[in-house]
Amino acid sequence: VAAEYAERLAPAIERVWVSGIEEIRTALRGWIHELAHLEGDWRPAHFELSFGLPDSDRPEALLPDDFRLRGRIDLVEADTARRRLRVTDHKTGKPPDRLPRWIGNGELLQPVLYGLAAEQLLGAPVDSGVLFYATQRGEYRRVEIRLDHDARLRAALVLRTIEDALQQGFLPAAPRPGACEYCDYRPVCGPYEERRVQHKDQDLLDPLV
């Protein structure tokens, strides 16, 4: 595959291209090594499980309280003995300094929401959702979030908060302290969102906080 794309793209600096390919190859080997040493009876059941998308043969997922979700789950594993599922979302960046317990201040929703979607679509209970930082940069770290009662309550709270904001038409940029420093959209918003949010109605921001 690398040779095919090198021929197609004709990279200007071969050394940079070769270095990038080796980085991908190293990450892939590390990922396979980690998968081979996972404990438990989990086995891959679905890769790239899409639902509600144009290229999907599955409908959108209907979550509790009639919320609808479309998306694509990177990996669904099954423990056939216990008839349980586990969902995994692969990440290429670094894990956050403060690991999430449930939804990571609303910034890491995939493990919980995709877990709820998999339960509805596949008809089996989901034990947990996993954020797998599957590269050297991410140190192949796995962050497992149990889909317990508290996680389900927080998912419902997030969805209701989003719904209320849409109904009110109140969609402020209200970053937590320091978030803008690492945000990909800073070139769009500029560096002053944290300062501007101080002038907004704090009562309206309370549900988001």
N, C-alpha and C. Protein backbone atom coordinates (compact mmCIF):
# COMPACT_ATOMS: atom_id res chain seq x y z
N VAL A 1 0.84 -1.20 0.00
CA VAL A 1 0.00 0.00 0.00
C VAL A 1 0.87 1.25 0.00
N ALA A 2 1.93 1.25 0.81
CA ALA A 2 2.83 2.41 0.86
C ALA A 2 3.48 2.66 -0.50
N ALA A 3 3.89 1.59 -1.15
CA ALA A 3 4.53 1.74 -2.46
C ALA A 3 3.54 2.27 -3.50
N GLU A 4 2.31 1.80 -3.43
CA GLU A 4 1.28 2.26 -4.37
C GLU A 4 1.04 3.76 -4.21
N TYR A 5 0.92 4.21 -2.96
CA TYR A 5 0.66 5.63 -2.74
C TYR A 5 1.88 6.49 -3.02
N ALA A 6 3.07 5.96 -2.78
CA ALA A 6 4.28 6.71 -3.14
C ALA A 6 4.33 6.96 -4.64
N GLU A 7 3.93 5.94 -5.41
CA GLU A 7 3.90 6.10 -6.87
C GLU A 7 2.83 7.10 -7.28
N ARG A 8 1.69 7.06 -6.61
CA ARG A 8 0.58 7.94 -6.97
C ARG A 8 0.84 9.39 -6.56
N LEU A 9 1.43 9.59 -5.39
CA LEU A 9 1.57 10.95 -4.84
C LEU A 9 2.91 11.59 -5.16
N ALA A 10 3.92 10.78 -5.51
CA ALA A 10 5.26 11.30 -5.81
C ALA A 10 5.71 12.30 -4.75
N PRO A 11 5.94 11.85 -3.50
CA PRO A 11 6.30 12.79 -2.44
C PRO A 11 7.56 13.57 -2.77
N ALA A 12 7.53 14.85 -2.42
CA ALA A 12 8.63 15.75 -2.79
C ALA A 12 9.92 15.41 -2.05
N ILE A 13 9.80 15.03 -0.78
CA ILE A 13 10.99 14.72 0.03
C ILE A 13 10.86 13.28 0.49
N GLU A 14 11.63 12.41 -0.11
CA GLU A 14 11.48 10.98 0.14
C GLU A 14 11.73 10.64 1.62
N ARG A 15 12.71 11.30 2.23
CA ARG A 15 13.04 10.99 3.62
C ARG A 15 11.85 11.25 4.55
N VAL A 16 11.11 12.32 4.29
CA VAL A 16 9.93 12.63 5.10
C VAL A 16 8.86 11.56 4.90
N TRP A 17 8.67 11.15 3.65
CA TRP A 17 7.68 10.11 3.35
C TRP A 17 8.03 8.80 4.06
N VAL A 18 9.29 8.37 3.93
CA VAL A 18 9.72 7.11 4.53
C VAL A 18 9.57 7.16 6.05
N SER A 19 9.90 8.30 6.65
CA SER A 19 9.77 8.46 8.10
C SER A 19 8.31 8.33 8.54
N GLY A 20 7.41 8.93 7.76
CA GLY A 20 5.98 8.86 8.09
C GLY A 20 5.45 7.43 7.98
N ILE A 21 5.87 6.71 6.93
CA ILE A 21 5.43 5.33 6.75
C ILE A 21 5.96 4.45 7.89
N GLU A 22 7.19 4.66 8.30
CA GLU A 22 7.76 3.87 9.40
C GLU A 22 7.03 4.14 10.71
N GLU A 23 6.62 5.38 10.90
CA GLU A 23 5.87 5.72 12.10
C GLU A 23 4.53 4.97 12.13
N ILE A 24 3.86 4.92 10.98
CA ILE A 24 2.60 4.18 10.89
C ILE A 24 2.84 2.69 11.12
N ARG A 25 3.91 2.16 10.53
CA ARG A 25 4.21 0.74 10.67
C ARG A 25 4.50 0.38 12.13
N THR A 26 5.26 1.23 12.80
CA THR A 26 5.58 0.99 14.22
C THR A 26 4.32 1.02 15.07
N ALA A 27 3.45 2.01 14.80
CA ALA A 27 2.20 2.12 15.56
C ALA A 27 1.32 0.89 15.34
N LEU A 28 1.28 0.41 14.11
CA LEU A 28 0.45 -0.76 13.80
C LEU A 28 0.96 -2.01 14.51
N ARG A 29 2.29 -2.19 14.52
CA ARG A 29 2.86 -3.34 15.22
C ARG A 29 2.55 -3.27 16.71
N GLY A 30 2.69 -2.08 17.28
CA GLY A 30 2.39 -1.91 18.71
C GLY A 30 0.93 -2.19 19.01
N TRP A 31 0.04 -1.74 18.12
CA TRP A 31 -1.40 -1.96 18.30
C TRP A 31 -1.71 -3.45 18.28
N ILE A 32 -1.14 -4.18 17.31
CA ILE A 32 -1.38 -5.62 17.22
C ILE A 32 -0.84 -6.33 18.46
N HIS A 33 0.33 -5.91 18.94
CA HIS A 33 0.91 -6.49 20.14
C HIS A 33 -0.03 -6.30 21.33
N GLU A 34 -0.58 -5.10 21.47
CA GLU A 34 -1.49 -4.84 22.58
C GLU A 34 -2.75 -5.71 22.48
N LEU A 35 -3.30 -5.83 21.28
CA LEU A 35 -4.50 -6.64 21.10
C LEU A 35 -4.24 -8.11 21.45
N ALA A 36 -3.05 -8.59 21.12
CA ALA A 36 -2.74 -9.99 21.36
C ALA A 36 -2.62 -10.31 22.84
N HIS A 37 -2.40 -9.30 23.66
CA HIS A 37 -2.18 -9.54 25.08
C HIS A 37 -3.32 -9.05 25.96
N LEU A 38 -4.46 -8.74 25.36
CA LEU A 38 -5.60 -8.34 26.16
C LEU A 38 -6.14 -9.54 26.94
N GLU A 39 -6.58 -9.27 28.15
CA GLU A 39 -7.12 -10.34 28.98
C GLU A 39 -8.62 -10.47 28.76
N GLY A 40 -9.15 -11.62 29.17
CA GLY A 40 -10.59 -11.82 29.07
C GLY A 40 -10.97 -12.61 27.84
N ASP A 41 -12.27 -12.82 27.68
CA ASP A 41 -12.79 -13.63 26.59
C ASP A 41 -13.44 -12.79 25.50
N TRP A 42 -12.99 -11.55 25.35
CA TRP A 42 -13.56 -10.68 24.34
C TRP A 42 -13.02 -11.03 22.95
N ARG A 43 -13.94 -11.10 22.00
CA ARG A 43 -13.57 -11.38 20.62
C ARG A 43 -14.21 -10.34 19.70
N PRO A 44 -13.51 -9.90 18.65
CA PRO A 44 -14.10 -8.92 17.74
C PRO A 44 -15.38 -9.46 17.10
N ALA A 45 -16.41 -8.62 17.09
CA ALA A 45 -17.69 -9.01 16.50
C ALA A 45 -18.06 -8.12 15.31
N HIS A 46 -17.76 -6.83 15.41
CA HIS A 46 -18.09 -5.88 14.33
C HIS A 46 -16.98 -4.84 14.23
N PHE A 47 -16.56 -4.56 13.00
CA PHE A 47 -15.64 -3.47 12.74
C PHE A 47 -16.39 -2.39 11.97
N GLU A 48 -16.11 -1.12 12.32
CA GLU A 48 -16.73 0.01 11.60
C GLU A 48 -18.25 -0.20 11.51
N LEU A 49 -18.87 -0.44 12.63
CA LEU A 49 -20.32 -0.67 12.67
C LEU A 49 -21.04 0.67 12.48
N SER A 50 -21.56 0.91 11.29
CA SER A 50 -22.21 2.18 11.00
C SER A 50 -23.73 2.03 11.12
N PHE A 51 -24.37 3.12 11.51
CA PHE A 51 -25.83 3.10 11.68
C PHE A 51 -26.38 4.49 11.40
N GLY A 52 -27.44 4.52 10.60
CA GLY A 52 -28.09 5.78 10.28
C GLY A 52 -27.33 6.65 9.30
N LEU A 53 -26.26 6.14 8.71
CA LEU A 53 -25.46 6.90 7.75
C LEU A 53 -25.81 6.47 6.32
N PRO A 54 -25.50 7.30 5.33
CA PRO A 54 -25.87 6.94 3.95
C PRO A 54 -25.29 5.60 3.48
N ASP A 55 -24.11 5.23 4.00
CA ASP A 55 -23.49 3.99 3.54
C ASP A 55 -23.82 2.81 4.45
N SER A 56 -24.80 2.97 5.33
CA SER A 56 -25.11 1.94 6.32
C SER A 56 -26.40 1.22 5.97
N ASP A 57 -26.43 -0.09 6.29
CA ASP A 57 -27.67 -0.84 6.12
C ASP A 57 -28.43 -0.96 7.44
N ARG A 58 -27.96 -0.27 8.47
CA ARG A 58 -28.64 -0.25 9.76
C ARG A 58 -29.30 1.10 9.97
N PRO A 59 -30.46 1.13 10.62
CA PRO A 59 -31.12 2.42 10.90
C PRO A 59 -30.39 3.16 12.01
N GLU A 60 -30.77 4.40 12.21
CA GLU A 60 -30.20 5.15 13.33
C GLU A 60 -30.62 4.50 14.64
N ALA A 61 -29.80 4.70 15.65
CA ALA A 61 -30.09 4.12 16.96
C ALA A 61 -31.08 5.00 17.71
N LEU A 62 -32.03 4.36 18.36
CA LEU A 62 -33.02 5.08 19.17
C LEU A 62 -32.62 4.92 20.63
N LEU A 63 -32.12 5.99 21.22
CA LEU A 63 -31.67 5.97 22.60
C LEU A 63 -32.83 6.27 23.54
N PRO A 64 -32.64 6.09 24.85
CA PRO A 64 -33.71 6.42 25.80
C PRO A 64 -34.19 7.86 25.62
N ASP A 65 -35.47 8.10 25.93
CA ASP A 65 -36.12 9.42 25.78
C ASP A 65 -36.23 9.83 24.32
N ASP A 66 -36.19 8.86 23.40
CA ASP A 66 -36.42 9.09 21.97
C ASP A 66 -35.33 9.92 21.30
N PHE A 67 -34.14 9.99 21.88
CA PHE A 67 -33.03 10.64 21.18
C PHE A 67 -32.52 9.70 20.10
N ARG A 68 -32.18 10.27 18.95
CA ARG A 68 -31.71 9.48 17.82
C ARG A 68 -30.23 9.75 17.58
N LEU A 69 -29.50 8.70 17.25
CA LEU A 69 -28.05 8.81 17.08
C LEU A 69 -27.63 8.12 15.80
N ARG A 70 -26.78 8.81 15.05
CA ARG A 70 -26.15 8.22 13.88
C ARG A 70 -24.65 8.23 14.09
N GLY A 71 -23.97 7.24 13.55
CA GLY A 71 -22.53 7.22 13.73
C GLY A 71 -21.90 5.95 13.23
N ARG A 72 -20.65 5.77 13.65
CA ARG A 72 -19.88 4.59 13.24
C ARG A 72 -18.99 4.19 14.40
N ILE A 73 -19.19 2.98 14.91
CA ILE A 73 -18.41 2.47 16.04
C ILE A 73 -17.20 1.72 15.48
N ASP A 74 -16.02 2.10 15.93
CA ASP A 74 -14.79 1.49 15.40
C ASP A 74 -14.77 -0.01 15.60
N LEU A 75 -15.10 -0.46 16.82
CA LEU A 75 -15.00 -1.89 17.12
C LEU A 75 -16.04 -2.27 18.17
N VAL A 76 -16.73 -3.37 17.93
CA VAL A 76 -17.61 -3.98 18.93
C VAL A 76 -17.09 -5.38 19.21
N GLU A 77 -16.83 -5.66 20.48
CA GLU A 77 -16.37 -6.98 20.89
C GLU A 77 -17.49 -7.70 21.65
N ALA A 78 -17.44 -9.01 21.63
CA ALA A 78 -18.46 -9.81 22.31
C ALA A 78 -17.80 -10.84 23.21
N ASP A 79 -18.39 -11.00 24.38
CA ASP A 79 -18.06 -12.11 25.28
C ASP A 79 -19.25 -13.06 25.18
N THR A 80 -19.11 -14.08 24.35
CA THR A 80 -20.27 -14.93 24.05
C THR A 80 -20.72 -15.73 25.26
N ALA A 81 -19.80 -16.07 26.16
CA ALA A 81 -20.17 -16.85 27.34
C ALA A 81 -21.12 -16.07 28.24
N ARG A 82 -20.86 -14.77 28.37
CA ARG A 82 -21.70 -13.94 29.24
C ARG A 82 -22.76 -13.17 28.45
N ARG A 83 -22.68 -13.26 27.12
CA ARG A 83 -23.61 -12.54 26.24
C ARG A 83 -23.57 -11.05 26.54
N ARG A 84 -22.34 -10.52 26.55
CA ARG A 84 -22.13 -9.10 26.81
C ARG A 84 -21.31 -8.51 25.66
N LEU A 85 -21.42 -7.18 25.50
CA LEU A 85 -20.69 -6.48 24.45
C LEU A 85 -19.78 -5.41 25.07
N ARG A 86 -18.81 -4.98 24.28
CA ARG A 86 -17.94 -3.87 24.64
C ARG A 86 -17.63 -3.08 23.38
N VAL A 87 -17.70 -1.75 23.45
CA VAL A 87 -17.43 -0.92 22.28
C VAL A 87 -16.10 -0.19 22.48
N THR A 88 -15.40 0.02 21.37
CA THR A 88 -14.10 0.69 21.41
C THR A 88 -14.06 1.80 20.37
N ASP A 89 -13.54 2.95 20.80
CA ASP A 89 -13.31 4.07 19.89
C ASP A 89 -11.81 4.32 19.85
N HIS A 90 -11.21 4.19 18.67
CA HIS A 90 -9.76 4.35 18.55
C HIS A 90 -9.38 5.82 18.44
N LYS A 91 -8.33 6.20 19.14
CA LYS A 91 -7.84 7.58 19.14
C LYS A 91 -6.39 7.59 18.66
N THR A 92 -6.03 8.64 17.93
CA THR A 92 -4.66 8.75 17.43
C THR A 92 -3.85 9.79 18.20
N GLY A 93 -4.50 10.55 19.09
CA GLY A 93 -3.78 11.56 19.85
C GLY A 93 -3.29 11.03 21.18
N LYS A 94 -3.04 11.95 22.10
CA LYS A 94 -2.58 11.59 23.45
C LYS A 94 -3.77 11.57 24.39
N PRO A 95 -3.75 10.70 25.39
CA PRO A 95 -4.83 10.71 26.37
C PRO A 95 -4.81 12.01 27.17
N PRO A 96 -5.98 12.46 27.64
CA PRO A 96 -6.00 13.68 28.44
C PRO A 96 -5.27 13.48 29.76
N ASP A 97 -4.74 14.57 30.31
CA ASP A 97 -4.04 14.48 31.59
C ASP A 97 -4.96 13.96 32.69
N ARG A 98 -6.22 14.40 32.63
CA ARG A 98 -7.20 13.93 33.60
C ARG A 98 -8.13 12.96 32.90
N LEU A 99 -7.98 11.69 33.21
CA LEU A 99 -8.75 10.66 32.50
C LEU A 99 -10.22 10.74 32.89
N PRO A 100 -11.11 10.54 31.92
CA PRO A 100 -12.54 10.64 32.21
C PRO A 100 -13.04 9.45 33.01
N ARG A 101 -14.00 9.72 33.89
CA ARG A 101 -14.66 8.63 34.58
C ARG A 101 -15.93 8.23 33.85
N TRP A 102 -16.61 9.23 33.27
CA TRP A 102 -17.84 8.96 32.53
C TRP A 102 -17.81 9.65 31.16
N ILE A 103 -17.97 10.99 31.14
CA ILE A 103 -18.09 11.70 29.86
C ILE A 103 -17.03 12.79 29.69
N GLY A 104 -16.09 12.89 30.63
CA GLY A 104 -14.98 13.83 30.47
C GLY A 104 -15.42 15.26 30.26
N ASN A 105 -16.27 15.76 31.15
CA ASN A 105 -16.80 17.14 31.04
C ASN A 105 -17.59 17.36 29.75
N GLY A 106 -18.16 16.29 29.21
CA GLY A 106 -18.92 16.41 27.98
C GLY A 106 -18.07 16.39 26.73
N GLU A 107 -16.77 16.17 26.87
CA GLU A 107 -15.86 16.20 25.72
C GLU A 107 -15.58 14.81 25.14
N LEU A 108 -15.89 13.77 25.89
CA LEU A 108 -15.61 12.40 25.43
C LEU A 108 -16.89 11.57 25.57
N LEU A 109 -17.76 11.72 24.59
CA LEU A 109 -19.08 11.11 24.67
C LEU A 109 -19.18 9.75 24.00
N GLN A 110 -18.19 9.41 23.16
CA GLN A 110 -18.34 8.19 22.36
C GLN A 110 -18.51 6.91 23.18
N PRO A 111 -17.70 6.67 24.23
CA PRO A 111 -17.85 5.39 24.93
C PRO A 111 -19.26 5.15 25.46
N VAL A 112 -19.86 6.19 26.06
CA VAL A 112 -21.18 6.00 26.65
C VAL A 112 -22.28 5.99 25.59
N LEU A 113 -22.27 6.98 24.69
CA LEU A 113 -23.33 7.06 23.68
C LEU A 113 -23.26 5.88 22.71
N TYR A 114 -22.06 5.50 22.30
CA TYR A 114 -21.94 4.36 21.40
C TYR A 114 -22.32 3.06 22.10
N GLY A 115 -22.05 2.99 23.41
CA GLY A 115 -22.49 1.81 24.16
C GLY A 115 -24.00 1.68 24.17
N LEU A 116 -24.68 2.81 24.41
CA LEU A 116 -26.15 2.80 24.38
C LEU A 116 -26.67 2.43 23.00
N ALA A 117 -26.02 2.95 21.96
CA ALA A 117 -26.44 2.65 20.59
C ALA A 117 -26.26 1.16 20.29
N ALA A 118 -25.11 0.59 20.70
CA ALA A 118 -24.86 -0.83 20.42
C ALA A 118 -25.87 -1.72 21.13
N GLU A 119 -26.25 -1.35 22.35
CA GLU A 119 -27.27 -2.13 23.06
C GLU A 119 -28.56 -2.18 22.27
N GLN A 120 -28.97 -1.03 21.75
CA GLN A 120 -30.24 -0.96 21.03
C GLN A 120 -30.15 -1.66 19.68
N LEU A 121 -29.04 -1.50 18.99
CA LEU A 121 -28.91 -2.06 17.64
C LEU A 121 -28.68 -3.57 17.65
N LEU A 122 -27.92 -4.06 18.63
CA LEU A 122 -27.51 -5.46 18.63
C LEU A 122 -28.26 -6.31 19.63
N GLY A 123 -29.06 -5.67 20.50
CA GLY A 123 -29.92 -6.43 21.40
C GLY A 123 -29.21 -7.18 22.48
N ALA A 124 -28.08 -6.65 22.95
CA ALA A 124 -27.35 -7.29 24.05
C ALA A 124 -26.79 -6.21 24.95
N PRO A 125 -26.65 -6.49 26.26
CA PRO A 125 -26.13 -5.47 27.17
C PRO A 125 -24.67 -5.15 26.90
N VAL A 126 -24.29 -3.89 27.09
CA VAL A 126 -22.92 -3.44 26.90
C VAL A 126 -22.28 -3.21 28.26
N ASP A 127 -21.13 -3.84 28.48
CA ASP A 127 -20.41 -3.69 29.74
C ASP A 127 -19.76 -2.32 29.87
N SER A 128 -19.10 -1.90 28.77
CA SER A 128 -18.30 -0.69 28.86
C SER A 128 -17.97 -0.15 27.48
N GLY A 129 -17.51 1.07 27.48
CA GLY A 129 -16.95 1.69 26.29
C GLY A 129 -15.48 1.98 26.55
N VAL A 130 -14.65 1.83 25.52
CA VAL A 130 -13.21 1.98 25.68
C VAL A 130 -12.70 3.06 24.73
N LEU A 131 -11.87 3.96 25.26
CA LEU A 131 -11.07 4.85 24.44
C LEU A 131 -9.69 4.23 24.33
N PHE A 132 -9.30 3.83 23.12
CA PHE A 132 -8.03 3.15 22.93
C PHE A 132 -7.09 4.08 22.16
N TYR A 133 -6.11 4.62 22.85
CA TYR A 133 -5.12 5.52 22.23
C TYR A 133 -4.06 4.64 21.59
N ALA A 134 -4.34 4.21 20.36
CA ALA A 134 -3.65 3.07 19.75
C ALA A 134 -2.42 3.48 18.94
N THR A 135 -1.57 4.34 19.51
CA THR A 135 -0.33 4.74 18.85
C THR A 135 0.76 4.89 19.90
N GLN A 136 2.01 5.00 19.42
CA GLN A 136 3.11 5.28 20.34
C GLN A 136 2.87 6.59 21.08
N ARG A 137 2.39 7.58 20.35
CA ARG A 137 2.13 8.88 20.96
C ARG A 137 1.13 8.74 22.11
N GLY A 138 0.14 7.88 21.93
CA GLY A 138 -0.85 7.65 22.98
C GLY A 138 -0.48 6.57 23.96
N GLU A 139 0.73 5.99 23.78
CA GLU A 139 1.27 4.97 24.68
C GLU A 139 0.35 3.74 24.76
N TYR A 140 -0.44 3.53 23.70
CA TYR A 140 -1.34 2.37 23.61
C TYR A 140 -2.20 2.24 24.88
N ARG A 141 -2.61 3.37 25.37
CA ARG A 141 -3.36 3.39 26.63
C ARG A 141 -4.84 3.13 26.38
N ARG A 142 -5.43 2.32 27.22
CA ARG A 142 -6.85 2.01 27.14
C ARG A 142 -7.56 2.63 28.34
N VAL A 143 -8.59 3.41 28.06
CA VAL A 143 -9.39 4.02 29.12
C VAL A 143 -10.78 3.40 29.04
N GLU A 144 -11.12 2.58 30.02
CA GLU A 144 -12.39 1.86 30.01
C GLU A 144 -13.40 2.58 30.89
N ILE A 145 -14.59 2.82 30.35
CA ILE A 145 -15.65 3.53 31.05
C ILE A 145 -16.84 2.58 31.18
N ARG A 146 -17.15 2.22 32.40
CA ARG A 146 -18.25 1.29 32.64
C ARG A 146 -19.58 1.94 32.28
N LEU A 147 -20.41 1.19 31.59
CA LEU A 147 -21.73 1.70 31.23
C LEU A 147 -22.69 1.37 32.38
N ASP A 148 -22.42 1.99 33.53
CA ASP A 148 -23.21 1.73 34.72
C ASP A 148 -24.35 2.75 34.84
N HIS A 149 -25.05 2.68 35.95
CA HIS A 149 -26.19 3.57 36.16
C HIS A 149 -25.78 5.04 36.09
N ASP A 150 -24.66 5.39 36.73
CA ASP A 150 -24.21 6.78 36.74
C ASP A 150 -23.86 7.26 35.33
N ALA A 151 -23.21 6.40 34.55
CA ALA A 151 -22.87 6.78 33.18
C ALA A 151 -24.12 7.03 32.35
N ARG A 152 -25.13 6.21 32.53
CA ARG A 152 -26.38 6.40 31.79
C ARG A 152 -27.08 7.69 32.19
N LEU A 153 -27.06 8.02 33.48
CA LEU A 153 -27.65 9.28 33.93
C LEU A 153 -26.94 10.47 33.30
N ARG A 154 -25.63 10.40 33.23
CA ARG A 154 -24.87 11.52 32.67
C ARG A 154 -25.09 11.65 31.17
N ALA A 155 -25.22 10.54 30.48
CA ALA A 155 -25.52 10.60 29.05
C ALA A 155 -26.88 11.28 28.82
N ALA A 156 -27.87 10.91 29.64
CA ALA A 156 -29.20 11.53 29.51
C ALA A 156 -29.13 13.03 29.78
N LEU A 157 -28.33 13.42 30.78
CA LEU A 157 -28.20 14.84 31.12
C LEU A 157 -27.57 15.62 29.97
N VAL A 158 -26.53 15.04 29.36
CA VAL A 158 -25.88 15.70 28.22
C VAL A 158 -26.87 15.90 27.07
N LEU A 159 -27.60 14.85 26.75
CA LEU A 159 -28.53 14.94 25.62
C LEU A 159 -29.64 15.96 25.89
N ARG A 160 -30.16 15.99 27.12
CA ARG A 160 -31.19 16.98 27.45
C ARG A 160 -30.64 18.40 27.40
N THR A 161 -29.39 18.58 27.85
CA THR A 161 -28.77 19.90 27.81
C THR A 161 -28.61 20.39 26.38
N ILE A 162 -28.18 19.49 25.50
CA ILE A 162 -28.04 19.85 24.08
C ILE A 162 -29.41 20.19 23.49
N GLU A 163 -30.40 19.36 23.81
CA GLU A 163 -31.75 19.60 23.28
C GLU A 163 -32.29 20.95 23.75
N ASP A 164 -32.12 21.27 25.03
CA ASP A 164 -32.60 22.55 25.55
C ASP A 164 -31.91 23.72 24.86
N ALA A 165 -30.61 23.61 24.65
CA ALA A 165 -29.87 24.68 23.99
C ALA A 165 -30.37 24.91 22.57
N LEU A 166 -30.65 23.81 21.86
CA LEU A 166 -31.16 23.94 20.49
C LEU A 166 -32.55 24.58 20.48
N GLN A 167 -33.40 24.17 21.42
CA GLN A 167 -34.75 24.73 21.48
C GLN A 167 -34.73 26.22 21.81
N GLN A 168 -33.81 26.64 22.66
CA GLN A 168 -33.71 28.04 23.04
C GLN A 168 -32.92 28.87 22.04
N GLY A 169 -32.18 28.19 21.16
CA GLY A 169 -31.33 28.92 20.23
C GLY A 169 -30.15 29.58 20.92
N PHE A 170 -29.74 29.05 22.04
CA PHE A 170 -28.63 29.60 22.81
C PHE A 170 -27.45 28.64 22.70
N LEU A 171 -26.52 28.95 21.80
CA LEU A 171 -25.40 28.05 21.49
C LEU A 171 -24.08 28.80 21.67
N PRO A 172 -23.74 29.16 22.90
CA PRO A 172 -22.54 29.97 23.11
C PRO A 172 -21.27 29.15 23.02
N ALA A 173 -20.20 29.80 22.60
CA ALA A 173 -18.88 29.22 22.80
C ALA A 173 -18.52 29.48 24.26
N ALA A 174 -18.48 28.44 25.05
CA ALA A 174 -18.25 28.60 26.50
C ALA A 174 -17.22 27.58 26.95
N PRO A 175 -15.97 27.74 26.55
CA PRO A 175 -14.95 26.74 26.86
C PRO A 175 -14.61 26.73 28.34
N ARG A 176 -14.22 25.56 28.81
CA ARG A 176 -13.69 25.49 30.16
C ARG A 176 -12.33 26.17 30.19
N PRO A 177 -11.84 26.56 31.37
CA PRO A 177 -10.54 27.24 31.45
C PRO A 177 -9.41 26.42 30.82
N GLY A 178 -8.68 27.04 29.92
CA GLY A 178 -7.54 26.40 29.28
C GLY A 178 -7.85 25.56 28.07
N ALA A 179 -9.14 25.37 27.76
CA ALA A 179 -9.49 24.47 26.65
C ALA A 179 -9.07 25.04 25.30
N CYS A 180 -9.14 26.35 25.15
CA CYS A 180 -8.83 26.96 23.85
C CYS A 180 -7.38 26.72 23.44
N GLU A 181 -6.53 26.54 24.42
CA GLU A 181 -5.11 26.37 24.12
C GLU A 181 -4.86 25.15 23.25
N TYR A 182 -5.72 24.13 23.38
CA TYR A 182 -5.51 22.88 22.65
C TYR A 182 -6.57 22.63 21.58
N CYS A 183 -7.45 23.59 21.35
CA CYS A 183 -8.58 23.36 20.45
C CYS A 183 -8.19 23.54 18.99
N ASP A 184 -8.67 22.62 18.14
CA ASP A 184 -8.38 22.69 16.70
C ASP A 184 -9.06 23.87 16.03
N TYR A 185 -10.11 24.43 16.67
CA TYR A 185 -10.89 25.49 16.04
C TYR A 185 -10.44 26.88 16.48
N ARG A 186 -9.34 26.98 17.16
CA ARG A 186 -8.86 28.29 17.61
C ARG A 186 -8.62 29.26 16.45
N PRO A 187 -8.11 28.81 15.30
CA PRO A 187 -7.96 29.75 14.17
C PRO A 187 -9.29 30.34 13.71
N VAL A 188 -10.40 29.66 13.98
CA VAL A 188 -11.72 30.17 13.58
C VAL A 188 -12.25 31.15 14.62
N CYS A 189 -12.21 30.73 15.88
CA CYS A 189 -12.80 31.54 16.96
C CYS A 189 -11.88 32.67 17.41
N GLY A 190 -10.57 32.47 17.28
CA GLY A 190 -9.64 33.41 17.86
C GLY A 190 -9.30 33.03 19.29
N PRO A 191 -8.42 33.78 19.93
CA PRO A 191 -7.91 33.40 21.25
C PRO A 191 -8.68 33.97 22.43
N TYR A 192 -9.82 34.64 22.18
CA TYR A 192 -10.44 35.40 23.27
C TYR A 192 -11.79 34.86 23.74
N GLU A 193 -12.13 33.61 23.38
CA GLU A 193 -13.44 33.09 23.76
C GLU A 193 -13.60 33.00 25.28
N GLU A 194 -12.56 32.63 25.98
CA GLU A 194 -12.66 32.53 27.43
C GLU A 194 -12.96 33.89 28.06
N ARG A 195 -12.45 34.95 27.44
CA ARG A 195 -12.71 36.29 27.95
C ARG A 195 -14.13 36.74 27.59
N ARG A 196 -14.56 36.43 26.37
CA ARG A 196 -15.89 36.85 25.93
C ARG A 196 -17.00 36.18 26.72
N VAL A 197 -16.78 34.91 27.09
CA VAL A 197 -17.85 34.18 27.76
C VAL A 197 -18.18 34.79 29.12
N GLN A 198 -17.28 35.55 29.69
CA GLN A 198 -17.53 36.18 30.98
C GLN A 198 -18.63 37.25 30.88
N HIS A 199 -18.91 37.72 29.67
CA HIS A 199 -19.93 38.75 29.48
C HIS A 199 -21.30 38.16 29.14
N LYS A 200 -21.39 36.84 29.05
CA LYS A 200 -22.67 36.21 28.73
C LYS A 200 -23.46 35.97 30.02
N ASP A 201 -24.76 35.72 29.85
CA ASP A 201 -25.64 35.47 30.98
C ASP A 201 -25.23 34.16 31.67
N GLN A 202 -24.69 34.27 32.88
CA GLN A 202 -24.15 33.10 33.57
C GLN A 202 -25.24 32.12 33.99
N ASP A 203 -26.46 32.64 34.21
CA ASP A 203 -27.56 31.73 34.56
C ASP A 203 -27.88 30.79 33.40
N LEU A 204 -27.82 31.34 32.18
CA LEU A 204 -28.08 30.49 31.00
C LEU A 204 -26.97 29.48 30.78
N LEU A 205 -25.78 29.83 31.23
CA LEU A 205 -24.64 28.92 31.05
C LEU A 205 -24.60 27.81 32.10
N ASP A 206 -25.38 27.97 33.16
CA ASP A 206 -25.29 27.03 34.28
C ASP A 206 -25.51 25.57 33.86
N PRO A 207 -26.53 25.24 33.03
CA PRO A 207 -26.71 23.83 32.64
C PRO A 207 -25.49 23.28 31.90
N LEU A 208 -24.85 24.12 31.06
CA LEU A 208 -23.68 23.67 30.33
C LEU A 208 -22.52 23.39 31.29
N VAL A 209 -22.35 24.29 32.25
CA VAL A 209 -21.28 24.08 33.24
C VAL A 209 -21.54 22.82 34.05
